[in-house]
Amino acid sequence: MQRLTCVLGSLLPQTYLPNRGLFSLSLRFARYEAFDAAYDQEHLADARKWHRSFRLNSLPRGNTSFSRSSGPGGQHVNKTESKATTTWPVSQLLVSLPRILHPAVRSSKYYSKSSDSINIQAQTQRGRTTNTEENHKKLFEELQRLYEKAVPGETSEEKATKYEALKKNASETRLRMKKIQGSKKLSRKGYGSEE
């Protein structure tokens, strides 16, 4: 039997069998719900406010160490330590991030589980400071990516109203169908007729 994986609600992957009603039921409810309805609106508002004021210079500095870079470059590569490795402990980053991004930080491609930190390296430039700045830029871009992945776009009032009406209509239709099915069963048993 073939299995399907579906993402329900916010971030909970679950596996369902296609012939079971739960799978189609979950899709039906998701269709009649505004995209950000499953999220805590207060957390979303905090995240959106943070994102509007988020700048490269608002990041913590982190701890930067330097080592010899690899690759072509001749004497410069062999004699100077221009490769920059910057580490940000996750606990230090979480202080400046909105709560909705906290789980996403540990899913970053730069996350190191052994040290519970974000580690970013740069060795593309010849100078230490340029490589350090590149690390900060990479972290900034990664946090932007995590934000876009974790926080849905704002739902307008008219769209929220539309989905509320769809949800109400779907519920009424479901109840009407239940009543029709119930009356069919009663008529088969003979309870509904007065003969």
N, C-alpha and C. Protein backbone atom coordinates (compact mmCIF):
# COMPACT_ATOMS: atom_id res chain seq x y z
N MET A 1 0.84 -1.18 0.00
CA MET A 1 0.00 0.00 0.00
C MET A 1 0.89 1.24 0.00
N GLN A 2 0.58 2.18 -0.81
CA GLN A 2 1.38 3.40 -0.96
C GLN A 2 1.05 4.39 0.15
N ARG A 3 2.10 5.02 0.72
CA ARG A 3 1.90 6.01 1.79
C ARG A 3 2.14 7.41 1.26
N LEU A 4 1.44 8.36 1.81
CA LEU A 4 1.59 9.78 1.46
C LEU A 4 2.04 10.54 2.69
N THR A 5 2.90 11.54 2.49
CA THR A 5 3.29 12.42 3.59
C THR A 5 2.70 13.78 3.33
N CYS A 6 2.08 14.34 4.34
CA CYS A 6 1.41 15.64 4.21
C CYS A 6 1.82 16.51 5.38
N VAL A 7 1.92 17.80 5.16
CA VAL A 7 2.24 18.73 6.24
C VAL A 7 0.94 19.39 6.69
N LEU A 8 0.59 19.16 7.95
CA LEU A 8 -0.63 19.71 8.52
C LEU A 8 -0.31 20.88 9.42
N GLY A 9 -1.20 21.84 9.49
CA GLY A 9 -1.02 22.95 10.40
C GLY A 9 0.23 23.71 10.07
N SER A 10 1.11 23.86 11.03
CA SER A 10 2.30 24.67 10.80
C SER A 10 3.47 23.82 10.31
N LEU A 11 4.04 22.97 11.18
CA LEU A 11 5.27 22.28 10.80
C LEU A 11 5.27 20.81 11.21
N LEU A 12 4.13 20.16 11.33
CA LEU A 12 4.08 18.80 11.83
C LEU A 12 3.89 17.81 10.69
N PRO A 13 4.98 17.19 10.17
CA PRO A 13 4.80 16.22 9.10
C PRO A 13 4.21 14.92 9.66
N GLN A 14 3.21 14.38 8.98
CA GLN A 14 2.60 13.14 9.41
C GLN A 14 2.32 12.29 8.18
N THR A 15 2.33 10.97 8.36
CA THR A 15 2.09 10.05 7.26
C THR A 15 0.69 9.48 7.38
N TYR A 16 -0.01 9.43 6.26
CA TYR A 16 -1.38 8.93 6.24
C TYR A 16 -1.52 7.91 5.12
N LEU A 17 -2.45 7.00 5.32
CA LEU A 17 -2.79 6.07 4.25
C LEU A 17 -3.85 6.73 3.38
N PRO A 18 -3.70 6.66 2.04
CA PRO A 18 -4.63 7.36 1.15
C PRO A 18 -6.07 6.92 1.26
N ASN A 19 -6.33 5.67 1.66
CA ASN A 19 -7.71 5.19 1.70
C ASN A 19 -8.41 5.54 3.01
N ARG A 20 -7.74 6.23 3.90
CA ARG A 20 -8.34 6.63 5.16
C ARG A 20 -8.96 8.02 5.03
N GLY A 21 -9.96 8.27 5.80
CA GLY A 21 -10.67 9.54 5.72
C GLY A 21 -9.90 10.72 6.29
N LEU A 22 -8.95 10.45 7.21
CA LEU A 22 -8.24 11.54 7.87
C LEU A 22 -7.46 12.39 6.88
N PHE A 23 -6.89 11.75 5.87
CA PHE A 23 -6.09 12.49 4.88
C PHE A 23 -6.95 13.49 4.12
N SER A 24 -8.08 13.02 3.60
CA SER A 24 -8.94 13.93 2.83
C SER A 24 -9.58 14.96 3.75
N LEU A 25 -9.86 14.58 4.99
CA LEU A 25 -10.44 15.51 5.94
C LEU A 25 -9.49 16.66 6.23
N SER A 26 -8.19 16.34 6.40
CA SER A 26 -7.21 17.39 6.69
C SER A 26 -7.05 18.34 5.51
N LEU A 27 -7.09 17.81 4.30
CA LEU A 27 -6.99 18.67 3.12
C LEU A 27 -8.22 19.56 3.00
N ARG A 28 -9.37 19.01 3.35
CA ARG A 28 -10.61 19.77 3.25
C ARG A 28 -10.57 20.96 4.21
N PHE A 29 -10.12 20.75 5.45
CA PHE A 29 -10.07 21.85 6.41
C PHE A 29 -9.02 22.88 6.02
N ALA A 30 -7.90 22.47 5.49
CA ALA A 30 -6.85 23.41 5.10
C ALA A 30 -7.32 24.31 3.97
N ARG A 31 -8.20 23.80 3.12
CA ARG A 31 -8.67 24.57 1.98
C ARG A 31 -9.54 25.75 2.41
N TYR A 32 -10.23 25.62 3.53
CA TYR A 32 -11.16 26.66 3.97
C TYR A 32 -10.59 27.49 5.11
N GLU A 33 -9.27 27.64 5.15
CA GLU A 33 -8.65 28.37 6.24
C GLU A 33 -7.64 29.36 5.67
N ALA A 34 -7.59 30.56 6.21
CA ALA A 34 -6.60 31.54 5.78
C ALA A 34 -5.21 31.00 6.10
N PHE A 35 -4.21 31.38 5.30
CA PHE A 35 -2.89 30.77 5.40
C PHE A 35 -2.26 30.95 6.77
N ASP A 36 -2.43 32.11 7.39
CA ASP A 36 -1.78 32.34 8.68
C ASP A 36 -2.71 32.07 9.86
N ALA A 37 -3.85 31.44 9.64
CA ALA A 37 -4.81 31.20 10.71
C ALA A 37 -4.30 30.20 11.75
N ALA A 38 -3.41 29.30 11.36
CA ALA A 38 -2.92 28.27 12.27
C ALA A 38 -1.84 28.80 13.21
N TYR A 39 -1.37 30.02 13.01
CA TYR A 39 -0.29 30.59 13.80
C TYR A 39 -0.84 31.50 14.90
N ASP A 40 -0.04 31.68 15.93
CA ASP A 40 -0.38 32.64 16.98
C ASP A 40 -0.18 34.05 16.41
N GLN A 41 -1.25 34.81 16.36
CA GLN A 41 -1.20 36.13 15.71
C GLN A 41 -0.26 37.10 16.43
N GLU A 42 -0.14 36.96 17.74
CA GLU A 42 0.77 37.83 18.49
C GLU A 42 2.23 37.56 18.10
N HIS A 43 2.58 36.27 17.97
CA HIS A 43 3.94 35.91 17.55
C HIS A 43 4.22 36.39 16.13
N LEU A 44 3.22 36.27 15.26
CA LEU A 44 3.39 36.74 13.89
C LEU A 44 3.61 38.25 13.85
N ALA A 45 2.85 38.98 14.66
CA ALA A 45 3.00 40.44 14.69
C ALA A 45 4.38 40.83 15.20
N ASP A 46 4.87 40.12 16.24
CA ASP A 46 6.22 40.39 16.76
C ASP A 46 7.27 40.12 15.69
N ALA A 47 7.12 39.00 14.96
CA ALA A 47 8.09 38.64 13.94
C ALA A 47 8.09 39.65 12.80
N ARG A 48 6.92 40.10 12.40
CA ARG A 48 6.84 41.07 11.30
C ARG A 48 7.42 42.42 11.72
N LYS A 49 7.20 42.81 12.96
CA LYS A 49 7.77 44.06 13.47
C LYS A 49 9.30 43.95 13.51
N TRP A 50 9.80 42.80 13.98
CA TRP A 50 11.25 42.57 14.03
C TRP A 50 11.84 42.64 12.62
N HIS A 51 11.17 42.02 11.66
CA HIS A 51 11.68 41.97 10.29
C HIS A 51 11.76 43.35 9.65
N ARG A 52 10.80 44.22 9.94
CA ARG A 52 10.83 45.57 9.39
C ARG A 52 12.03 46.36 9.90
N SER A 53 12.48 46.09 11.12
CA SER A 53 13.61 46.84 11.69
C SER A 53 14.93 46.06 11.62
N PHE A 54 14.93 44.87 11.02
CA PHE A 54 16.12 44.02 10.98
C PHE A 54 17.13 44.55 9.97
N ARG A 55 18.34 44.83 10.43
CA ARG A 55 19.43 45.33 9.59
C ARG A 55 20.68 44.52 9.87
N LEU A 56 21.63 44.61 8.96
CA LEU A 56 22.89 43.87 9.09
C LEU A 56 23.62 44.25 10.37
N ASN A 57 23.59 45.52 10.74
CA ASN A 57 24.32 45.95 11.93
C ASN A 57 23.59 45.62 13.23
N SER A 58 22.37 45.06 13.15
CA SER A 58 21.66 44.67 14.38
C SER A 58 22.01 43.26 14.84
N LEU A 59 22.87 42.57 14.07
CA LEU A 59 23.30 41.23 14.45
C LEU A 59 24.37 41.30 15.54
N PRO A 60 24.41 40.29 16.43
CA PRO A 60 25.52 40.24 17.38
C PRO A 60 26.83 39.97 16.63
N ARG A 61 27.95 40.41 17.18
CA ARG A 61 29.23 40.29 16.48
C ARG A 61 29.71 38.85 16.38
N GLY A 62 29.48 38.03 17.37
CA GLY A 62 29.95 36.66 17.34
C GLY A 62 31.44 36.58 17.65
N ASN A 63 31.97 35.37 17.63
CA ASN A 63 33.40 35.15 17.90
C ASN A 63 34.07 34.74 16.59
N THR A 64 35.05 35.50 16.15
CA THR A 64 35.72 35.23 14.88
C THR A 64 37.14 34.76 15.14
N SER A 65 37.50 33.66 14.47
CA SER A 65 38.89 33.18 14.51
C SER A 65 39.40 33.13 13.08
N PHE A 66 40.71 33.21 12.93
CA PHE A 66 41.32 33.26 11.60
C PHE A 66 42.27 32.09 11.44
N SER A 67 42.33 31.58 10.21
CA SER A 67 43.25 30.48 9.88
C SER A 67 43.68 30.64 8.44
N ARG A 68 44.62 29.80 8.04
CA ARG A 68 45.10 29.87 6.65
C ARG A 68 44.03 29.34 5.71
N SER A 69 43.81 30.06 4.65
CA SER A 69 42.82 29.60 3.67
C SER A 69 43.48 28.62 2.73
N SER A 70 42.67 27.91 1.98
CA SER A 70 43.19 26.93 1.03
C SER A 70 42.96 27.42 -0.38
N GLY A 71 43.50 26.71 -1.34
CA GLY A 71 43.29 27.06 -2.73
C GLY A 71 44.41 27.90 -3.29
N PRO A 72 44.24 28.39 -4.53
CA PRO A 72 45.29 29.17 -5.17
C PRO A 72 45.50 30.51 -4.49
N GLY A 73 46.69 31.04 -4.63
CA GLY A 73 46.99 32.34 -4.04
C GLY A 73 48.47 32.50 -3.77
N GLY A 74 49.21 31.43 -3.91
CA GLY A 74 50.66 31.52 -3.77
C GLY A 74 51.11 31.91 -2.39
N GLN A 75 52.09 32.79 -2.34
CA GLN A 75 52.72 33.18 -1.09
C GLN A 75 51.72 33.81 -0.12
N HIS A 76 50.78 34.58 -0.62
CA HIS A 76 49.80 35.23 0.25
C HIS A 76 49.01 34.20 1.05
N VAL A 77 48.56 33.13 0.38
CA VAL A 77 47.78 32.09 1.05
C VAL A 77 48.64 31.35 2.06
N ASN A 78 49.90 31.11 1.71
CA ASN A 78 50.77 30.34 2.59
C ASN A 78 51.21 31.11 3.83
N LYS A 79 51.27 32.43 3.77
CA LYS A 79 51.83 33.21 4.88
C LYS A 79 50.80 33.95 5.73
N THR A 80 49.60 34.17 5.23
CA THR A 80 48.63 34.95 6.01
C THR A 80 47.45 34.09 6.43
N GLU A 81 46.84 34.49 7.52
CA GLU A 81 45.65 33.80 8.01
C GLU A 81 44.44 34.68 7.69
N SER A 82 43.91 34.51 6.50
CA SER A 82 42.81 35.38 6.07
C SER A 82 41.45 34.68 6.07
N LYS A 83 41.41 33.36 6.28
CA LYS A 83 40.13 32.66 6.34
C LYS A 83 39.46 32.99 7.68
N ALA A 84 38.24 33.50 7.62
CA ALA A 84 37.52 33.89 8.83
C ALA A 84 36.43 32.86 9.14
N THR A 85 36.42 32.39 10.38
CA THR A 85 35.38 31.49 10.87
C THR A 85 34.69 32.20 12.02
N THR A 86 33.42 32.52 11.84
CA THR A 86 32.67 33.24 12.87
C THR A 86 31.64 32.30 13.48
N THR A 87 31.58 32.31 14.80
CA THR A 87 30.67 31.45 15.55
C THR A 87 29.73 32.30 16.39
N TRP A 88 28.45 31.99 16.29
CA TRP A 88 27.44 32.63 17.13
C TRP A 88 26.76 31.55 17.95
N PRO A 89 26.89 31.56 19.28
CA PRO A 89 26.12 30.61 20.10
C PRO A 89 24.63 30.84 19.88
N VAL A 90 23.87 29.77 19.77
CA VAL A 90 22.44 29.90 19.50
C VAL A 90 21.75 30.69 20.62
N SER A 91 22.19 30.49 21.86
CA SER A 91 21.58 31.23 22.97
C SER A 91 21.76 32.74 22.80
N GLN A 92 22.89 33.15 22.23
CA GLN A 92 23.16 34.57 21.98
C GLN A 92 22.27 35.10 20.85
N LEU A 93 22.04 34.28 19.84
CA LEU A 93 21.20 34.69 18.71
C LEU A 93 19.72 34.77 19.08
N LEU A 94 19.26 33.80 19.88
CA LEU A 94 17.83 33.73 20.20
C LEU A 94 17.35 34.96 20.96
N VAL A 95 18.25 35.62 21.68
CA VAL A 95 17.87 36.82 22.42
C VAL A 95 17.38 37.91 21.48
N SER A 96 17.99 38.00 20.30
CA SER A 96 17.63 39.08 19.38
C SER A 96 16.63 38.66 18.30
N LEU A 97 16.17 37.41 18.32
CA LEU A 97 15.24 36.92 17.30
C LEU A 97 13.83 36.76 17.87
N PRO A 98 12.80 36.90 17.03
CA PRO A 98 11.43 36.66 17.51
C PRO A 98 11.21 35.18 17.82
N ARG A 99 10.27 34.91 18.69
CA ARG A 99 10.03 33.55 19.18
C ARG A 99 9.69 32.57 18.05
N ILE A 100 9.02 33.02 17.02
CA ILE A 100 8.60 32.12 15.94
C ILE A 100 9.80 31.58 15.15
N LEU A 101 10.94 32.27 15.21
CA LEU A 101 12.14 31.82 14.49
C LEU A 101 13.04 30.90 15.33
N HIS A 102 12.77 30.76 16.61
CA HIS A 102 13.65 29.97 17.48
C HIS A 102 13.85 28.53 16.99
N PRO A 103 12.79 27.79 16.64
CA PRO A 103 13.02 26.42 16.15
C PRO A 103 13.75 26.39 14.81
N ALA A 104 13.55 27.42 14.00
CA ALA A 104 14.15 27.44 12.65
C ALA A 104 15.65 27.63 12.70
N VAL A 105 16.17 28.28 13.73
CA VAL A 105 17.61 28.54 13.81
C VAL A 105 18.38 27.22 13.85
N ARG A 106 17.86 26.26 14.58
CA ARG A 106 18.55 24.97 14.69
C ARG A 106 18.37 24.10 13.45
N SER A 107 17.55 24.53 12.51
CA SER A 107 17.42 23.80 11.25
C SER A 107 18.26 24.44 10.14
N SER A 108 19.03 25.45 10.48
CA SER A 108 19.86 26.15 9.50
C SER A 108 20.98 25.25 8.99
N LYS A 109 21.41 25.48 7.76
CA LYS A 109 22.51 24.69 7.20
C LYS A 109 23.84 25.01 7.88
N TYR A 110 23.91 26.13 8.60
CA TYR A 110 25.13 26.52 9.29
C TYR A 110 25.15 26.07 10.75
N TYR A 111 24.11 25.40 11.20
CA TYR A 111 24.00 25.00 12.61
C TYR A 111 24.93 23.84 12.91
N SER A 112 25.66 23.95 14.02
CA SER A 112 26.53 22.88 14.49
C SER A 112 25.95 22.34 15.79
N LYS A 113 25.51 21.09 15.75
CA LYS A 113 24.84 20.50 16.91
C LYS A 113 25.81 20.30 18.08
N SER A 114 27.05 19.94 17.79
CA SER A 114 28.01 19.66 18.86
C SER A 114 28.29 20.87 19.74
N SER A 115 28.33 22.05 19.15
CA SER A 115 28.60 23.27 19.93
C SER A 115 27.36 24.12 20.13
N ASP A 116 26.21 23.68 19.62
CA ASP A 116 24.95 24.43 19.67
C ASP A 116 25.18 25.87 19.24
N SER A 117 25.73 26.01 18.04
CA SER A 117 26.04 27.35 17.53
C SER A 117 25.91 27.39 16.02
N ILE A 118 25.92 28.59 15.49
CA ILE A 118 25.93 28.82 14.05
C ILE A 118 27.38 29.12 13.67
N ASN A 119 27.94 28.34 12.75
CA ASN A 119 29.32 28.52 12.31
C ASN A 119 29.34 28.84 10.82
N ILE A 120 29.97 29.96 10.48
CA ILE A 120 30.05 30.38 9.08
C ILE A 120 31.51 30.70 8.76
N GLN A 121 31.96 30.23 7.59
CA GLN A 121 33.34 30.46 7.15
C GLN A 121 33.36 31.21 5.84
N ALA A 122 34.41 32.03 5.66
CA ALA A 122 34.61 32.73 4.39
C ALA A 122 36.09 32.83 4.12
N GLN A 123 36.48 32.51 2.90
CA GLN A 123 37.88 32.62 2.50
C GLN A 123 38.01 33.11 1.06
N THR A 124 36.97 33.74 0.55
CA THR A 124 36.98 34.16 -0.85
C THR A 124 37.80 35.42 -1.08
N GLN A 125 37.93 36.27 -0.06
CA GLN A 125 38.68 37.53 -0.21
C GLN A 125 40.08 37.38 0.38
N ARG A 126 40.94 38.35 0.07
CA ARG A 126 42.32 38.29 0.57
C ARG A 126 42.47 38.90 1.96
N GLY A 127 41.48 39.65 2.40
CA GLY A 127 41.60 40.33 3.68
C GLY A 127 40.73 39.72 4.77
N ARG A 128 41.23 39.78 6.01
CA ARG A 128 40.50 39.24 7.16
C ARG A 128 39.17 39.97 7.38
N THR A 129 39.23 41.28 7.38
CA THR A 129 38.01 42.04 7.69
C THR A 129 36.94 41.84 6.64
N THR A 130 37.35 41.71 5.39
CA THR A 130 36.38 41.48 4.31
C THR A 130 35.71 40.13 4.48
N ASN A 131 36.50 39.11 4.85
CA ASN A 131 35.93 37.78 5.07
C ASN A 131 35.02 37.76 6.30
N THR A 132 35.39 38.51 7.33
CA THR A 132 34.54 38.61 8.52
C THR A 132 33.21 39.27 8.17
N GLU A 133 33.27 40.34 7.40
CA GLU A 133 32.04 41.01 6.96
C GLU A 133 31.18 40.09 6.10
N GLU A 134 31.83 39.26 5.30
CA GLU A 134 31.09 38.31 4.47
C GLU A 134 30.36 37.29 5.34
N ASN A 135 30.99 36.87 6.45
CA ASN A 135 30.31 35.96 7.38
C ASN A 135 29.05 36.59 7.95
N HIS A 136 29.15 37.86 8.33
CA HIS A 136 27.99 38.55 8.88
C HIS A 136 26.89 38.69 7.82
N LYS A 137 27.30 38.94 6.59
CA LYS A 137 26.33 39.04 5.50
C LYS A 137 25.64 37.69 5.26
N LYS A 138 26.41 36.59 5.34
CA LYS A 138 25.82 35.25 5.17
C LYS A 138 24.81 34.96 6.27
N LEU A 139 25.14 35.34 7.52
CA LEU A 139 24.19 35.12 8.62
C LEU A 139 22.93 35.95 8.40
N PHE A 140 23.09 37.18 7.98
CA PHE A 140 21.95 38.06 7.71
C PHE A 140 21.04 37.43 6.65
N GLU A 141 21.64 36.94 5.57
CA GLU A 141 20.86 36.32 4.49
C GLU A 141 20.18 35.03 4.96
N GLU A 142 20.88 34.26 5.81
CA GLU A 142 20.30 33.02 6.33
C GLU A 142 19.11 33.32 7.24
N LEU A 143 19.22 34.33 8.08
CA LEU A 143 18.09 34.70 8.94
C LEU A 143 16.92 35.24 8.13
N GLN A 144 17.22 35.95 7.05
CA GLN A 144 16.15 36.42 6.14
C GLN A 144 15.44 35.21 5.52
N ARG A 145 16.22 34.22 5.09
CA ARG A 145 15.66 33.01 4.48
C ARG A 145 14.79 32.25 5.48
N LEU A 146 15.29 32.11 6.71
CA LEU A 146 14.53 31.41 7.75
C LEU A 146 13.23 32.16 8.07
N TYR A 147 13.29 33.48 8.07
CA TYR A 147 12.08 34.28 8.32
C TYR A 147 11.05 34.04 7.22
N GLU A 148 11.49 34.10 5.97
CA GLU A 148 10.56 33.92 4.84
C GLU A 148 9.95 32.53 4.84
N LYS A 149 10.72 31.54 5.32
CA LYS A 149 10.22 30.17 5.37
C LYS A 149 9.24 29.97 6.53
N ALA A 150 9.50 30.61 7.66
CA ALA A 150 8.71 30.37 8.87
C ALA A 150 7.49 31.27 9.01
N VAL A 151 7.56 32.48 8.47
CA VAL A 151 6.48 33.45 8.69
C VAL A 151 5.71 33.66 7.38
N PRO A 152 4.42 33.33 7.38
CA PRO A 152 3.64 33.55 6.16
C PRO A 152 3.36 35.02 5.93
N GLY A 153 3.03 35.35 4.70
CA GLY A 153 2.67 36.73 4.38
C GLY A 153 1.39 37.12 5.10
N GLU A 154 1.17 38.41 5.23
CA GLU A 154 -0.02 38.89 5.94
C GLU A 154 -1.27 38.61 5.12
N THR A 155 -2.30 38.16 5.80
CA THR A 155 -3.59 37.91 5.17
C THR A 155 -4.44 39.16 5.30
N SER A 156 -4.95 39.64 4.18
CA SER A 156 -5.77 40.85 4.21
C SER A 156 -7.12 40.56 4.86
N GLU A 157 -7.79 41.61 5.30
CA GLU A 157 -9.10 41.47 5.95
C GLU A 157 -10.11 40.81 5.01
N GLU A 158 -10.10 41.23 3.75
CA GLU A 158 -11.08 40.67 2.81
C GLU A 158 -10.83 39.19 2.56
N LYS A 159 -9.54 38.80 2.55
CA LYS A 159 -9.23 37.38 2.35
C LYS A 159 -9.63 36.58 3.59
N ALA A 160 -9.38 37.13 4.77
CA ALA A 160 -9.78 36.45 6.01
C ALA A 160 -11.30 36.29 6.06
N THR A 161 -12.02 37.33 5.65
CA THR A 161 -13.49 37.27 5.61
C THR A 161 -13.95 36.22 4.61
N LYS A 162 -13.27 36.17 3.47
CA LYS A 162 -13.62 35.20 2.43
C LYS A 162 -13.46 33.78 2.97
N TYR A 163 -12.33 33.51 3.64
CA TYR A 163 -12.09 32.17 4.15
C TYR A 163 -13.02 31.82 5.30
N GLU A 164 -13.42 32.82 6.07
CA GLU A 164 -14.39 32.59 7.14
C GLU A 164 -15.72 32.16 6.53
N ALA A 165 -16.14 32.83 5.45
CA ALA A 165 -17.39 32.47 4.77
C ALA A 165 -17.29 31.08 4.15
N LEU A 166 -16.15 30.76 3.55
CA LEU A 166 -15.96 29.43 2.97
C LEU A 166 -16.02 28.35 4.05
N LYS A 167 -15.40 28.62 5.19
CA LYS A 167 -15.39 27.66 6.28
C LYS A 167 -16.82 27.42 6.79
N LYS A 168 -17.59 28.50 6.93
CA LYS A 168 -18.97 28.39 7.39
C LYS A 168 -19.81 27.62 6.38
N ASN A 169 -19.63 27.92 5.09
CA ASN A 169 -20.37 27.24 4.03
C ASN A 169 -20.03 25.75 4.01
N ALA A 170 -18.75 25.42 4.17
CA ALA A 170 -18.33 24.02 4.16
C ALA A 170 -18.95 23.27 5.34
N SER A 171 -19.00 23.93 6.48
CA SER A 171 -19.60 23.30 7.67
C SER A 171 -21.09 23.06 7.46
N GLU A 172 -21.79 24.05 6.91
CA GLU A 172 -23.22 23.90 6.65
C GLU A 172 -23.49 22.78 5.64
N THR A 173 -22.67 22.72 4.61
CA THR A 173 -22.82 21.67 3.58
C THR A 173 -22.60 20.30 4.20
N ARG A 174 -21.58 20.19 5.06
CA ARG A 174 -21.28 18.92 5.71
C ARG A 174 -22.46 18.48 6.58
N LEU A 175 -23.02 19.40 7.35
CA LEU A 175 -24.17 19.05 8.20
C LEU A 175 -25.39 18.66 7.37
N ARG A 176 -25.62 19.37 6.27
CA ARG A 176 -26.74 19.06 5.39
C ARG A 176 -26.57 17.64 4.82
N MET A 177 -25.36 17.31 4.40
CA MET A 177 -25.10 15.97 3.84
C MET A 177 -25.29 14.89 4.91
N LYS A 178 -24.89 15.19 6.15
CA LYS A 178 -25.09 14.23 7.23
C LYS A 178 -26.58 13.96 7.45
N LYS A 179 -27.38 15.02 7.40
CA LYS A 179 -28.82 14.87 7.60
C LYS A 179 -29.45 14.06 6.46
N ILE A 180 -29.00 14.31 5.24
CA ILE A 180 -29.51 13.56 4.08
C ILE A 180 -29.16 12.09 4.22
N GLN A 181 -27.89 11.81 4.61
CA GLN A 181 -27.47 10.41 4.77
C GLN A 181 -28.27 9.74 5.89
N GLY A 182 -28.50 10.49 6.97
CA GLY A 182 -29.27 9.93 8.09
C GLY A 182 -30.70 9.61 7.68
N SER A 183 -31.31 10.50 6.91
CA SER A 183 -32.69 10.25 6.47
C SER A 183 -32.74 9.06 5.50
N LYS A 184 -31.69 8.88 4.68
CA LYS A 184 -31.64 7.71 3.79
C LYS A 184 -31.62 6.43 4.61
N LYS A 185 -30.80 6.42 5.66
CA LYS A 185 -30.70 5.22 6.50
C LYS A 185 -32.03 4.93 7.20
N LEU A 186 -32.66 5.99 7.69
CA LEU A 186 -33.95 5.80 8.35
C LEU A 186 -35.00 5.26 7.39
N SER A 187 -35.00 5.75 6.15
CA SER A 187 -36.00 5.28 5.19
C SER A 187 -35.74 3.83 4.81
N ARG A 188 -34.49 3.39 4.82
CA ARG A 188 -34.18 1.99 4.51
C ARG A 188 -34.69 1.07 5.61
N LYS A 189 -34.61 1.54 6.85
CA LYS A 189 -35.03 0.71 7.98
C LYS A 189 -36.55 0.73 8.14
N GLY A 190 -37.20 1.70 7.54
CA GLY A 190 -38.65 1.76 7.61
C GLY A 190 -39.16 2.62 8.75
N TYR A 191 -38.27 3.29 9.46
CA TYR A 191 -38.71 4.13 10.57
C TYR A 191 -39.36 5.42 10.09
N GLY A 192 -38.96 5.90 8.96
CA GLY A 192 -39.46 7.18 8.48
C GLY A 192 -40.84 7.11 7.85
N SER A 193 -41.30 5.92 7.45
CA SER A 193 -42.59 5.82 6.78
C SER A 193 -43.70 5.53 7.80
N GLU A 194 -44.92 5.95 7.48
CA GLU A 194 -46.04 5.75 8.41
C GLU A 194 -47.05 4.79 7.79
N GLU A 195 -46.61 3.62 7.44
CA GLU A 195 -47.49 2.62 6.81
C GLU A 195 -47.92 1.57 7.78
